Amino acid sequence: MRLTEITYGSALAVESYGPGFFRLGSHVLRGASLITPWDAGAWGGLEDVAPPLSLAGKIDVLLLGLGRDITVVPKAFRQALEAVGIGVEPMNTPAALRTYNVLLGEGRRVAAAVLPV
């Protein structure tokens, strides 16, 4: 088996996570967070659609980490993002973080909005 190291350049990759936090390099986020290749910060959760909407034209897909288990994405949240051309992919938070790093490594236009586990 041949292993290839993934490099992200200057993009922000998720290095680890745990109960209530996400680590991106030396930066630690606590609580619900919005992570993009160029920035990461607090997010107000599923009622806060404005920050993900501001990514229109910059990303193609938003990975939505819904905590430990997958729940229903509010219809208004999904419709607002899809109306501006952002696909929404709901999954549990660990899967969203892993998928974010994989797609980031492929150079895809991706972001992750994640709720803590």
PDB file of N, CA and C in Angstrom:
ATOM      1  N   MET A   1       0.835  -1.168   0.000  1.00  0.00           N
ATOM      2  CA  MET A   1       0.000   0.000   0.000  1.00  0.00           C
ATOM      3  C   MET A   1       0.882   1.234   0.000  1.00  0.00           C
ATOM      4  N   ARG A   2       0.540   2.193  -0.838  1.00  0.00           N
ATOM      5  CA  ARG A   2       1.293   3.436  -0.921  1.00  0.00           C
ATOM      6  C   ARG A   2       0.503   4.536  -0.215  1.00  0.00           C
ATOM      7  N   LEU A   3       1.127   5.220   0.726  1.00  0.00           N
ATOM      8  CA  LEU A   3       0.486   6.307   1.441  1.00  0.00           C
ATOM      9  C   LEU A   3       0.995   7.631   0.908  1.00  0.00           C
ATOM     10  N   THR A   4       0.080   8.563   0.737  1.00  0.00           N
ATOM     11  CA  THR A   4       0.434   9.887   0.258  1.00  0.00           C
ATOM     12  C   THR A   4      -0.001  10.910   1.295  1.00  0.00           C
ATOM     13  N   GLU A   5       0.928  11.761   1.692  1.00  0.00           N
ATOM     14  CA  GLU A   5       0.587  12.799   2.651  1.00  0.00           C
ATOM     15  C   GLU A   5      -0.288  13.843   1.982  1.00  0.00           C
ATOM     16  N   ILE A   6      -1.351  14.234   2.672  1.00  0.00           N
ATOM     17  CA  ILE A   6      -2.248  15.261   2.153  1.00  0.00           C
ATOM     18  C   ILE A   6      -1.748  16.609   2.625  1.00  0.00           C
ATOM     19  N   THR A   7      -1.671  17.546   1.701  1.00  0.00           N
ATOM     20  CA  THR A   7      -1.300  18.904   2.065  1.00  0.00           C
ATOM     21  C   THR A   7      -2.467  19.827   1.735  1.00  0.00           C
ATOM     22  N   TYR A   8      -2.646  20.822   2.566  1.00  0.00           N
ATOM     23  CA  TYR A   8      -3.773  21.739   2.404  1.00  0.00           C
ATOM     24  C   TYR A   8      -3.322  23.146   2.025  1.00  0.00           C
ATOM     25  N   GLY A   9      -2.030  23.335   1.857  1.00  0.00           N
ATOM     26  CA  GLY A   9      -1.528  24.681   1.571  1.00  0.00           C
ATOM     27  C   GLY A   9      -1.876  25.603   2.724  1.00  0.00           C
ATOM     28  N   SER A  10      -2.438  26.755   2.427  1.00  0.00           N
ATOM     29  CA  SER A  10      -2.811  27.706   3.479  1.00  0.00           C
ATOM     30  C   SER A  10      -4.245  27.491   3.970  1.00  0.00           C
ATOM     31  N   ALA A  11      -4.945  26.515   3.404  1.00  0.00           N
ATOM     32  CA  ALA A  11      -6.332  26.257   3.797  1.00  0.00           C
ATOM     33  C   ALA A  11      -6.406  25.684   5.216  1.00  0.00           C
ATOM     34  N   LEU A  12      -7.483  25.995   5.912  1.00  0.00           N
ATOM     35  CA  LEU A  12      -7.699  25.511   7.280  1.00  0.00           C
ATOM     36  C   LEU A  12      -8.305  24.118   7.268  1.00  0.00           C
ATOM     37  N   ALA A  13      -7.575  23.159   7.779  1.00  0.00           N
ATOM     38  CA  ALA A  13      -8.072  21.792   7.915  1.00  0.00           C
ATOM     39  C   ALA A  13      -8.395  21.527   9.383  1.00  0.00           C
ATOM     40  N   VAL A  14      -9.339  20.635   9.625  1.00  0.00           N
ATOM     41  CA  VAL A  14      -9.695  20.254  10.992  1.00  0.00           C
ATOM     42  C   VAL A  14      -8.694  19.202  11.456  1.00  0.00           C
ATOM     43  N   GLU A  15      -7.988  19.498  12.535  1.00  0.00           N
ATOM     44  CA  GLU A  15      -6.986  18.568  13.049  1.00  0.00           C
ATOM     45  C   GLU A  15      -7.549  17.606  14.077  1.00  0.00           C
ATOM     46  N   SER A  16      -8.503  18.086  14.881  1.00  0.00           N
ATOM     47  CA  SER A  16      -9.118  17.211  15.871  1.00  0.00           C
ATOM     48  C   SER A  16     -10.396  17.860  16.389  1.00  0.00           C
ATOM     49  N   TYR A  17     -11.157  17.061  17.121  1.00  0.00           N
ATOM     50  CA  TYR A  17     -12.373  17.568  17.753  1.00  0.00           C
ATOM     51  C   TYR A  17     -12.643  16.712  18.978  1.00  0.00           C
ATOM     52  N   GLY A  18     -13.488  17.229  19.832  1.00  0.00           N
ATOM     53  CA  GLY A  18     -13.870  16.508  21.040  1.00  0.00           C
ATOM     54  C   GLY A  18     -15.161  17.086  21.568  1.00  0.00           C
ATOM     55  N   PRO A  19     -15.531  16.726  22.782  1.00  0.00           N
ATOM     56  CA  PRO A  19     -16.793  17.230  23.337  1.00  0.00           C
ATOM     57  C   PRO A  19     -16.825  18.761  23.383  1.00  0.00           C
ATOM     58  N   GLY A  20     -17.575  19.354  22.484  1.00  0.00           N
ATOM     59  CA  GLY A  20     -17.771  20.802  22.485  1.00  0.00           C
ATOM     60  C   GLY A  20     -16.703  21.633  21.822  1.00  0.00           C
ATOM     61  N   PHE A  21     -15.684  21.031  21.180  1.00  0.00           N
ATOM     62  CA  PHE A  21     -14.634  21.847  20.554  1.00  0.00           C
ATOM     63  C   PHE A  21     -14.159  21.259  19.229  1.00  0.00           C
ATOM     64  N   PHE A  22     -13.543  22.148  18.432  1.00  0.00           N
ATOM     65  CA  PHE A  22     -12.930  21.784  17.152  1.00  0.00           C
ATOM     66  C   PHE A  22     -11.580  22.481  17.098  1.00  0.00           C
ATOM     67  N   ARG A  23     -10.524  21.753  16.675  1.00  0.00           N
ATOM     68  CA  ARG A  23      -9.185  22.328  16.608  1.00  0.00           C
ATOM     69  C   ARG A  23      -8.740  22.409  15.143  1.00  0.00           C
ATOM     70  N   LEU A  24      -8.328  23.618  14.758  1.00  0.00           N
ATOM     71  CA  LEU A  24      -7.772  23.885  13.432  1.00  0.00           C
ATOM     72  C   LEU A  24      -6.419  24.533  13.657  1.00  0.00           C
ATOM     73  N   GLY A  25      -5.353  23.749  13.599  1.00  0.00           N
ATOM     74  CA  GLY A  25      -4.020  24.264  13.929  1.00  0.00           C
ATOM     75  C   GLY A  25      -4.001  24.666  15.389  1.00  0.00           C
ATOM     76  N   SER A  26      -3.540  25.880  15.670  1.00  0.00           N
ATOM     77  CA  SER A  26      -3.503  26.352  17.050  1.00  0.00           C
ATOM     78  C   SER A  26      -4.814  27.015  17.464  1.00  0.00           C
ATOM     79  N   HIS A  27      -5.758  27.108  16.541  1.00  0.00           N
ATOM     80  CA  HIS A  27      -7.045  27.754  16.788  1.00  0.00           C
ATOM     81  C   HIS A  27      -8.049  26.724  17.305  1.00  0.00           C
ATOM     82  N   VAL A  28      -8.678  26.998  18.437  1.00  0.00           N
ATOM     83  CA  VAL A  28      -9.682  26.103  19.002  1.00  0.00           C
ATOM     84  C   VAL A  28     -11.024  26.820  19.011  1.00  0.00           C
ATOM     85  N   LEU A  29     -12.026  26.193  18.417  1.00  0.00           N
ATOM     86  CA  LEU A  29     -13.391  26.724  18.409  1.00  0.00           C
ATOM     87  C   LEU A  29     -14.215  25.948  19.416  1.00  0.00           C
ATOM     88  N   ARG A  30     -15.081  26.627  20.128  1.00  0.00           N
ATOM     89  CA  ARG A  30     -15.974  25.968  21.079  1.00  0.00           C
ATOM     90  C   ARG A  30     -17.411  26.231  20.663  1.00  0.00           C
ATOM     91  N   GLY A  31     -18.219  25.176  20.674  1.00  0.00           N
ATOM     92  CA  GLY A  31     -19.624  25.307  20.289  1.00  0.00           C
ATOM     93  C   GLY A  31     -19.817  25.210  18.788  1.00  0.00           C
ATOM     94  N   ALA A  32     -21.022  25.546  18.347  1.00  0.00           N
ATOM     95  CA  ALA A  32     -21.355  25.491  16.919  1.00  0.00           C
ATOM     96  C   ALA A  32     -20.401  26.387  16.138  1.00  0.00           C
ATOM     97  N   SER A  33     -19.888  25.878  15.010  1.00  0.00           N
ATOM     98  CA  SER A  33     -18.852  26.597  14.260  1.00  0.00           C
ATOM     99  C   SER A  33     -19.070  26.500  12.765  1.00  0.00           C
ATOM    100  N   LEU A  34     -18.620  27.535  12.065  1.00  0.00           N
ATOM    101  CA  LEU A  34     -18.614  27.557  10.606  1.00  0.00           C
ATOM    102  C   LEU A  34     -17.152  27.563  10.176  1.00  0.00           C
ATOM    103  N   ILE A  35     -16.779  26.551   9.381  1.00  0.00           N
ATOM    104  CA  ILE A  35     -15.386  26.369   8.983  1.00  0.00           C
ATOM    105  C   ILE A  35     -15.289  26.457   7.466  1.00  0.00           C
ATOM    106  N   THR A  36     -14.434  27.344   6.999  1.00  0.00           N
ATOM    107  CA  THR A  36     -14.162  27.466   5.567  1.00  0.00           C
ATOM    108  C   THR A  36     -12.657  27.286   5.367  1.00  0.00           C
ATOM    109  N   PRO A  37     -12.221  27.142   4.129  1.00  0.00           N
ATOM    110  CA  PRO A  37     -10.773  27.005   3.897  1.00  0.00           C
ATOM    111  C   PRO A  37      -9.968  28.231   4.337  1.00  0.00           C
ATOM    112  N   TRP A  38     -10.598  29.388   4.434  1.00  0.00           N
ATOM    113  CA  TRP A  38      -9.887  30.627   4.741  1.00  0.00           C
ATOM    114  C   TRP A  38     -10.221  31.233   6.104  1.00  0.00           C
ATOM    115  N   ASP A  39     -11.237  30.713   6.805  1.00  0.00           N
ATOM    116  CA  ASP A  39     -11.628  31.293   8.085  1.00  0.00           C
ATOM    117  C   ASP A  39     -12.463  30.290   8.876  1.00  0.00           C
ATOM    118  N   ALA A  40     -12.538  30.483  10.162  1.00  0.00           N
ATOM    119  CA  ALA A  40     -13.375  29.641  11.018  1.00  0.00           C
ATOM    120  C   ALA A  40     -13.806  30.461  12.216  1.00  0.00           C
ATOM    121  N   GLY A  41     -15.049  30.256  12.639  1.00  0.00           N
ATOM    122  CA  GLY A  41     -15.531  31.003  13.788  1.00  0.00           C
ATOM    123  C   GLY A  41     -16.848  30.463  14.294  1.00  0.00           C
ATOM    124  N   ALA A  42     -17.382  31.146  15.278  1.00  0.00           N
ATOM    125  CA  ALA A  42     -18.650  30.740  15.889  1.00  0.00           C
ATOM    126  C   ALA A  42     -19.787  30.867  14.874  1.00  0.00           C
ATOM    127  N   TRP A  43     -20.778  30.023  15.057  1.00  0.00           N
ATOM    128  CA  TRP A  43     -21.969  30.010  14.209  1.00  0.00           C
ATOM    129  C   TRP A  43     -23.169  29.846  15.130  1.00  0.00           C
ATOM    130  N   GLY A  44     -24.280  30.478  14.819  1.00  0.00           N
ATOM    131  CA  GLY A  44     -25.458  30.461  15.676  1.00  0.00           C
ATOM    132  C   GLY A  44     -26.338  29.240  15.556  1.00  0.00           C
ATOM    133  N   GLY A  45     -25.940  28.249  14.771  1.00  0.00           N
ATOM    134  CA  GLY A  45     -26.735  27.032  14.636  1.00  0.00           C
ATOM    135  C   GLY A  45     -27.744  27.113  13.501  1.00  0.00           C
ATOM    136  N   LEU A  46     -28.652  26.175  13.469  1.00  0.00           N
ATOM    137  CA  LEU A  46     -29.576  26.032  12.340  1.00  0.00           C
ATOM    138  C   LEU A  46     -30.529  27.209  12.156  1.00  0.00           C
ATOM    139  N   GLU A  47     -30.674  28.053  13.158  1.00  0.00           N
ATOM    140  CA  GLU A  47     -31.510  29.247  13.010  1.00  0.00           C
ATOM    141  C   GLU A  47     -30.728  30.402  12.398  1.00  0.00           C
ATOM    142  N   ASP A  48     -29.428  30.243  12.257  1.00  0.00           N
ATOM    143  CA  ASP A  48     -28.534  31.307  11.790  1.00  0.00           C
ATOM    144  C   ASP A  48     -28.059  31.017  10.366  1.00  0.00           C
ATOM    145  N   VAL A  49     -28.886  31.351   9.395  1.00  0.00           N
ATOM    146  CA  VAL A  49     -28.565  31.033   8.003  1.00  0.00           C
ATOM    147  C   VAL A  49     -27.701  32.106   7.334  1.00  0.00           C
ATOM    148  N   ALA A  50     -27.602  33.300   7.920  1.00  0.00           N
ATOM    149  CA  ALA A  50     -26.871  34.399   7.282  1.00  0.00           C
ATOM    150  C   ALA A  50     -25.389  34.091   7.029  1.00  0.00           C
ATOM    151  N   PRO A  51     -24.640  33.560   8.011  1.00  0.00           N
ATOM    152  CA  PRO A  51     -23.222  33.282   7.720  1.00  0.00           C
ATOM    153  C   PRO A  51     -23.021  32.273   6.578  1.00  0.00           C
ATOM    154  N   PRO A  52     -23.738  31.146   6.545  1.00  0.00           N
ATOM    155  CA  PRO A  52     -23.567  30.263   5.387  1.00  0.00           C
ATOM    156  C   PRO A  52     -24.010  30.915   4.072  1.00  0.00           C
ATOM    157  N   LEU A  53     -25.056  31.739   4.116  1.00  0.00           N
ATOM    158  CA  LEU A  53     -25.491  32.432   2.896  1.00  0.00           C
ATOM    159  C   LEU A  53     -24.424  33.375   2.362  1.00  0.00           C
ATOM    160  N   SER A  54     -23.612  33.934   3.254  1.00  0.00           N
ATOM    161  CA  SER A  54     -22.566  34.863   2.822  1.00  0.00           C
ATOM    162  C   SER A  54     -21.480  34.154   2.008  1.00  0.00           C
ATOM    163  N   LEU A  55     -21.511  32.829   1.990  1.00  0.00           N
ATOM    164  CA  LEU A  55     -20.518  32.056   1.241  1.00  0.00           C
ATOM    165  C   LEU A  55     -20.933  31.797  -0.211  1.00  0.00           C
ATOM    166  N   ALA A  56     -22.097  32.309  -0.613  1.00  0.00           N
ATOM    167  CA  ALA A  56     -22.575  32.123  -1.991  1.00  0.00           C
ATOM    168  C   ALA A  56     -21.513  32.615  -2.976  1.00  0.00           C
ATOM    169  N   GLY A  57     -21.239  31.799  -3.979  1.00  0.00           N
ATOM    170  CA  GLY A  57     -20.228  32.121  -4.977  1.00  0.00           C
ATOM    171  C   GLY A  57     -18.817  31.709  -4.571  1.00  0.00           C
ATOM    172  N   LYS A  58     -18.634  31.377  -3.278  1.00  0.00           N
ATOM    173  CA  LYS A  58     -17.317  30.970  -2.795  1.00  0.00           C
ATOM    174  C   LYS A  58     -17.228  29.468  -2.558  1.00  0.00           C
ATOM    175  N   ILE A  59     -18.374  28.839  -2.288  1.00  0.00           N
ATOM    176  CA  ILE A  59     -18.397  27.387  -2.061  1.00  0.00           C
ATOM    177  C   ILE A  59     -19.506  26.771  -2.906  1.00  0.00           C
ATOM    178  N   ASP A  60     -19.377  25.478  -3.137  1.00  0.00           N
ATOM    179  CA  ASP A  60     -20.407  24.734  -3.860  1.00  0.00           C
ATOM    180  C   ASP A  60     -21.256  23.892  -2.928  1.00  0.00           C
ATOM    181  N   VAL A  61     -20.665  23.480  -1.811  1.00  0.00           N
ATOM    182  CA  VAL A  61     -21.381  22.590  -0.894  1.00  0.00           C
ATOM    183  C   VAL A  61     -21.061  22.968   0.552  1.00  0.00           C
ATOM    184  N   LEU A  62     -22.108  22.883   1.388  1.00  0.00           N
ATOM    185  CA  LEU A  62     -21.965  23.078   2.824  1.00  0.00           C
ATOM    186  C   LEU A  62     -22.218  21.734   3.490  1.00  0.00           C
ATOM    187  N   LEU A  63     -21.205  21.219   4.157  1.00  0.00           N
ATOM    188  CA  LEU A  63     -21.357  19.993   4.932  1.00  0.00           C
ATOM    189  C   LEU A  63     -21.939  20.394   6.273  1.00  0.00           C
ATOM    190  N   LEU A  64     -23.069  19.823   6.595  1.00  0.00           N
ATOM    191  CA  LEU A  64     -23.799  20.215   7.792  1.00  0.00           C
ATOM    192  C   LEU A  64     -23.680  19.121   8.837  1.00  0.00           C
ATOM    193  N   GLY A  65     -22.829  19.357   9.839  1.00  0.00           N
ATOM    194  CA  GLY A  65     -22.630  18.403  10.922  1.00  0.00           C
ATOM    195  C   GLY A  65     -23.659  18.642  12.012  1.00  0.00           C
ATOM    196  N   LEU A  66     -24.558  17.689  12.184  1.00  0.00           N
ATOM    197  CA  LEU A  66     -25.713  17.872  13.065  1.00  0.00           C
ATOM    198  C   LEU A  66     -25.528  17.291  14.458  1.00  0.00           C
ATOM    199  N   GLY A  67     -24.292  17.165  14.904  1.00  0.00           N
ATOM    200  CA  GLY A  67     -24.035  16.615  16.226  1.00  0.00           C
ATOM    201  C   GLY A  67     -23.735  15.132  16.145  1.00  0.00           C
ATOM    202  N   ARG A  68     -24.056  14.413  17.195  1.00  0.00           N
ATOM    203  CA  ARG A  68     -23.767  12.984  17.258  1.00  0.00           C
ATOM    204  C   ARG A  68     -24.632  12.184  16.277  1.00  0.00           C
ATOM    205  N   ASP A  69     -25.863  12.624  16.089  1.00  0.00           N
ATOM    206  CA  ASP A  69     -26.803  11.916  15.209  1.00  0.00           C
ATOM    207  C   ASP A  69     -27.327  12.860  14.143  1.00  0.00           C
ATOM    208  N   ILE A  70     -27.778  12.293  13.050  1.00  0.00           N
ATOM    209  CA  ILE A  70     -28.373  13.085  11.981  1.00  0.00           C
ATOM    210  C   ILE A  70     -29.817  13.397  12.354  1.00  0.00           C
ATOM    211  N   THR A  71     -30.207  14.653  12.164  1.00  0.00           N
ATOM    212  CA  THR A  71     -31.586  15.071  12.371  1.00  0.00           C
ATOM    213  C   THR A  71     -32.074  15.741  11.093  1.00  0.00           C
ATOM    214  N   VAL A  72     -33.292  16.158  11.093  1.00  0.00           N
ATOM    215  CA  VAL A  72     -33.880  16.814   9.927  1.00  0.00           C
ATOM    216  C   VAL A  72     -33.339  18.243   9.821  1.00  0.00           C
ATOM    217  N   VAL A  73     -32.945  18.613   8.621  1.00  0.00           N
ATOM    218  CA  VAL A  73     -32.498  19.979   8.355  1.00  0.00           C
ATOM    219  C   VAL A  73     -33.752  20.828   8.153  1.00  0.00           C
ATOM    220  N   PRO A  74     -33.868  21.951   8.861  1.00  0.00           N
ATOM    221  CA  PRO A  74     -35.041  22.802   8.651  1.00  0.00           C
ATOM    222  C   PRO A  74     -35.192  23.173   7.174  1.00  0.00           C
ATOM    223  N   LYS A  75     -36.397  23.040   6.688  1.00  0.00           N
ATOM    224  CA  LYS A  75     -36.679  23.273   5.268  1.00  0.00           C
ATOM    225  C   LYS A  75     -36.242  24.671   4.821  1.00  0.00           C
ATOM    226  N   ALA A  76     -36.518  25.674   5.644  1.00  0.00           N
ATOM    227  CA  ALA A  76     -36.160  27.051   5.283  1.00  0.00           C
ATOM    228  C   ALA A  76     -34.644  27.215   5.160  1.00  0.00           C
ATOM    229  N   PHE A  77     -33.876  26.548   6.026  1.00  0.00           N
ATOM    230  CA  PHE A  77     -32.415  26.610   5.984  1.00  0.00           C
ATOM    231  C   PHE A  77     -31.911  26.034   4.661  1.00  0.00           C
ATOM    232  N   ARG A  78     -32.368  24.832   4.335  1.00  0.00           N
ATOM    233  CA  ARG A  78     -31.942  24.173   3.096  1.00  0.00           C
ATOM    234  C   ARG A  78     -32.356  24.989   1.864  1.00  0.00           C
ATOM    235  N   GLN A  79     -33.598  25.437   1.832  1.00  0.00           N
ATOM    236  CA  GLN A  79     -34.086  26.177   0.671  1.00  0.00           C
ATOM    237  C   GLN A  79     -33.327  27.483   0.463  1.00  0.00           C
ATOM    238  N   ALA A  80     -33.007  28.185   1.538  1.00  0.00           N
ATOM    239  CA  ALA A  80     -32.275  29.449   1.414  1.00  0.00           C
ATOM    240  C   ALA A  80     -30.902  29.221   0.791  1.00  0.00           C
ATOM    241  N   LEU A  81     -30.203  28.178   1.233  1.00  0.00           N
ATOM    242  CA  LEU A  81     -28.871  27.904   0.685  1.00  0.00           C
ATOM    243  C   LEU A  81     -28.939  27.397  -0.753  1.00  0.00           C
ATOM    244  N   GLU A  82     -29.878  26.511  -1.025  1.00  0.00           N
ATOM    245  CA  GLU A  82     -29.992  25.993  -2.389  1.00  0.00           C
ATOM    246  C   GLU A  82     -30.397  27.090  -3.370  1.00  0.00           C
ATOM    247  N   ALA A  83     -31.157  28.087  -2.907  1.00  0.00           N
ATOM    248  CA  ALA A  83     -31.568  29.200  -3.768  1.00  0.00           C
ATOM    249  C   ALA A  83     -30.382  30.033  -4.248  1.00  0.00           C
ATOM    250  N   VAL A  84     -29.279  30.021  -3.493  1.00  0.00           N
ATOM    251  CA  VAL A  84     -28.085  30.773  -3.905  1.00  0.00           C
ATOM    252  C   VAL A  84     -26.998  29.852  -4.462  1.00  0.00           C
ATOM    253  N   GLY A  85     -27.358  28.608  -4.736  1.00  0.00           N
ATOM    254  CA  GLY A  85     -26.431  27.685  -5.390  1.00  0.00           C
ATOM    255  C   GLY A  85     -25.522  26.892  -4.475  1.00  0.00           C
ATOM    256  N   ILE A  86     -25.856  26.822  -3.186  1.00  0.00           N
ATOM    257  CA  ILE A  86     -25.044  26.041  -2.244  1.00  0.00           C
ATOM    258  C   ILE A  86     -25.786  24.751  -1.915  1.00  0.00           C
ATOM    259  N   GLY A  87     -25.175  23.623  -2.225  1.00  0.00           N
ATOM    260  CA  GLY A  87     -25.748  22.333  -1.863  1.00  0.00           C
ATOM    261  C   GLY A  87     -25.552  22.083  -0.373  1.00  0.00           C
ATOM    262  N   VAL A  88     -26.507  21.425   0.250  1.00  0.00           N
ATOM    263  CA  VAL A  88     -26.447  21.129   1.686  1.00  0.00           C
ATOM    264  C   VAL A  88     -26.390  19.620   1.865  1.00  0.00           C
ATOM    265  N   GLU A  89     -25.350  19.144   2.550  1.00  0.00           N
ATOM    266  CA  GLU A  89     -25.170  17.715   2.804  1.00  0.00           C
ATOM    267  C   GLU A  89     -25.183  17.460   4.304  1.00  0.00           C
ATOM    268  N   PRO A  90     -26.329  17.020   4.847  1.00  0.00           N
ATOM    269  CA  PRO A  90     -26.383  16.745   6.291  1.00  0.00           C
ATOM    270  C   PRO A  90     -25.756  15.402   6.642  1.00  0.00           C
ATOM    271  N   MET A  91     -25.071  15.368   7.769  1.00  0.00           N
ATOM    272  CA  MET A  91     -24.469  14.141   8.283  1.00  0.00           C
ATOM    273  C   MET A  91     -24.128  14.374   9.746  1.00  0.00           C
ATOM    274  N   ASN A  92     -23.670  13.343  10.434  1.00  0.00           N
ATOM    275  CA  ASN A  92     -23.253  13.603  11.813  1.00  0.00           C
ATOM    276  C   ASN A  92     -21.950  14.406  11.776  1.00  0.00           C
ATOM    277  N   THR A  93     -21.643  15.068  12.864  1.00  0.00           N
ATOM    278  CA  THR A  93     -20.492  15.971  12.879  1.00  0.00           C
ATOM    279  C   THR A  93     -19.164  15.270  12.593  1.00  0.00           C
ATOM    280  N   PRO A  94     -18.869  14.103  13.195  1.00  0.00           N
ATOM    281  CA  PRO A  94     -17.601  13.457  12.847  1.00  0.00           C
ATOM    282  C   PRO A  94     -17.464  13.181  11.341  1.00  0.00           C
ATOM    283  N   ALA A  95     -18.527  12.728  10.704  1.00  0.00           N
ATOM    284  CA  ALA A  95     -18.480  12.465   9.259  1.00  0.00           C
ATOM    285  C   ALA A  95     -18.307  13.762   8.477  1.00  0.00           C
ATOM    286  N   ALA A  96     -18.958  14.829   8.914  1.00  0.00           N
ATOM    287  CA  ALA A  96     -18.832  16.120   8.228  1.00  0.00           C
ATOM    288  C   ALA A  96     -17.395  16.634   8.292  1.00  0.00           C
ATOM    289  N   LEU A  97     -16.750  16.477   9.443  1.00  0.00           N
ATOM    290  CA  LEU A  97     -15.367  16.947   9.587  1.00  0.00           C
ATOM    291  C   LEU A  97     -14.403  16.129   8.735  1.00  0.00           C
ATOM    292  N   ARG A  98     -14.585  14.818   8.717  1.00  0.00           N
ATOM    293  CA  ARG A  98     -13.718  13.969   7.876  1.00  0.00           C
ATOM    294  C   ARG A  98     -13.930  14.297   6.400  1.00  0.00           C
ATOM    295  N   THR A  99     -15.181  14.431   5.995  1.00  0.00           N
ATOM    296  CA  THR A  99     -15.495  14.727   4.590  1.00  0.00           C
ATOM    297  C   THR A  99     -14.955  16.091   4.197  1.00  0.00           C
ATOM    298  N   TYR A 100     -15.068  17.067   5.088  1.00  0.00           N
ATOM    299  CA  TYR A 100     -14.527  18.395   4.826  1.00  0.00           C
ATOM    300  C   TYR A 100     -13.033  18.304   4.506  1.00  0.00           C
ATOM    301  N   ASN A 101     -12.276  17.599   5.332  1.00  0.00           N
ATOM    302  CA  ASN A 101     -10.834  17.488   5.098  1.00  0.00           C
ATOM    303  C   ASN A 101     -10.522  16.789   3.781  1.00  0.00           C
ATOM    304  N   VAL A 102     -11.261  15.743   3.456  1.00  0.00           N
ATOM    305  CA  VAL A 102     -11.029  15.026   2.187  1.00  0.00           C
ATOM    306  C   VAL A 102     -11.291  15.953   1.001  1.00  0.00           C
ATOM    307  N   LEU A 103     -12.441  16.622   1.014  1.00  0.00           N
ATOM    308  CA  LEU A 103     -12.783  17.512  -0.104  1.00  0.00           C
ATOM    309  C   LEU A 103     -11.833  18.707  -0.169  1.00  0.00           C
ATOM    310  N   LEU A 104     -11.419  19.208   0.973  1.00  0.00           N
ATOM    311  CA  LEU A 104     -10.445  20.295   1.018  1.00  0.00           C
ATOM    312  C   LEU A 104      -9.134  19.852   0.369  1.00  0.00           C
ATOM    313  N   GLY A 105      -8.699  18.633   0.680  1.00  0.00           N
ATOM    314  CA  GLY A 105      -7.477  18.093   0.093  1.00  0.00           C
ATOM    315  C   GLY A 105      -7.570  17.919  -1.413  1.00  0.00           C
ATOM    316  N   GLU A 106      -8.794  17.763  -1.917  1.00  0.00           N
ATOM    317  CA  GLU A 106      -9.018  17.641  -3.361  1.00  0.00           C
ATOM    318  C   GLU A 106      -9.162  19.011  -4.032  1.00  0.00           C
ATOM    319  N   GLY A 107      -9.104  20.073  -3.228  1.00  0.00           N
ATOM    320  CA  GLY A 107      -9.232  21.415  -3.792  1.00  0.00           C
ATOM    321  C   GLY A 107     -10.660  21.830  -4.079  1.00  0.00           C
ATOM    322  N   ARG A 108     -11.620  21.159  -3.471  1.00  0.00           N
ATOM    323  CA  ARG A 108     -13.034  21.472  -3.704  1.00  0.00           C
ATOM    324  C   ARG A 108     -13.439  22.734  -2.954  1.00  0.00           C
ATOM    325  N   ARG A 109     -14.490  23.376  -3.447  1.00  0.00           N
ATOM    326  CA  ARG A 109     -15.044  24.585  -2.809  1.00  0.00           C
ATOM    327  C   ARG A 109     -16.074  24.143  -1.768  1.00  0.00           C
ATOM    328  N   VAL A 110     -15.619  23.981  -0.529  1.00  0.00           N
ATOM    329  CA  VAL A 110     -16.418  23.364   0.519  1.00  0.00           C
ATOM    330  C   VAL A 110     -16.295  24.157   1.814  1.00  0.00           C
ATOM    331  N   ALA A 111     -17.334  24.064   2.626  1.00  0.00           N
ATOM    332  CA  ALA A 111     -17.317  24.602   3.991  1.00  0.00           C
ATOM    333  C   ALA A 111     -18.069  23.625   4.868  1.00  0.00           C
ATOM    334  N   ALA A 112     -17.894  23.765   6.172  1.00  0.00           N
ATOM    335  CA  ALA A 112     -18.598  22.904   7.130  1.00  0.00           C
ATOM    336  C   ALA A 112     -19.228  23.776   8.213  1.00  0.00           C
ATOM    337  N   ALA A 113     -20.511  23.568   8.437  1.00  0.00           N
ATOM    338  CA  ALA A 113     -21.216  24.182   9.559  1.00  0.00           C
ATOM    339  C   ALA A 113     -21.516  23.034  10.510  1.00  0.00           C
ATOM    340  N   VAL A 114     -20.924  23.081  11.691  1.00  0.00           N
ATOM    341  CA  VAL A 114     -20.975  21.916  12.576  1.00  0.00           C
ATOM    342  C   VAL A 114     -21.476  22.263  13.966  1.00  0.00           C
ATOM    343  N   LEU A 115     -22.304  21.362  14.482  1.00  0.00           N
ATOM    344  CA  LEU A 115     -22.762  21.424  15.865  1.00  0.00           C
ATOM    345  C   LEU A 115     -21.870  20.506  16.672  1.00  0.00           C
ATOM    346  N   PRO A 116     -21.579  20.836  17.910  1.00  0.00           N
ATOM    347  CA  PRO A 116     -20.671  20.011  18.704  1.00  0.00           C
ATOM    348  C   PRO A 116     -21.234  18.621  19.014  1.00  0.00           C
ATOM    349  N   VAL A 117     -20.320  17.697  19.286  1.00  0.00           N
ATOM    350  CA  VAL A 117     -20.714  16.340  19.686  1.00  0.00           C
ATOM    351  C   VAL A 117     -20.587  16.213  21.191  1.00  0.00           C
TER     352      VAL A 117
END
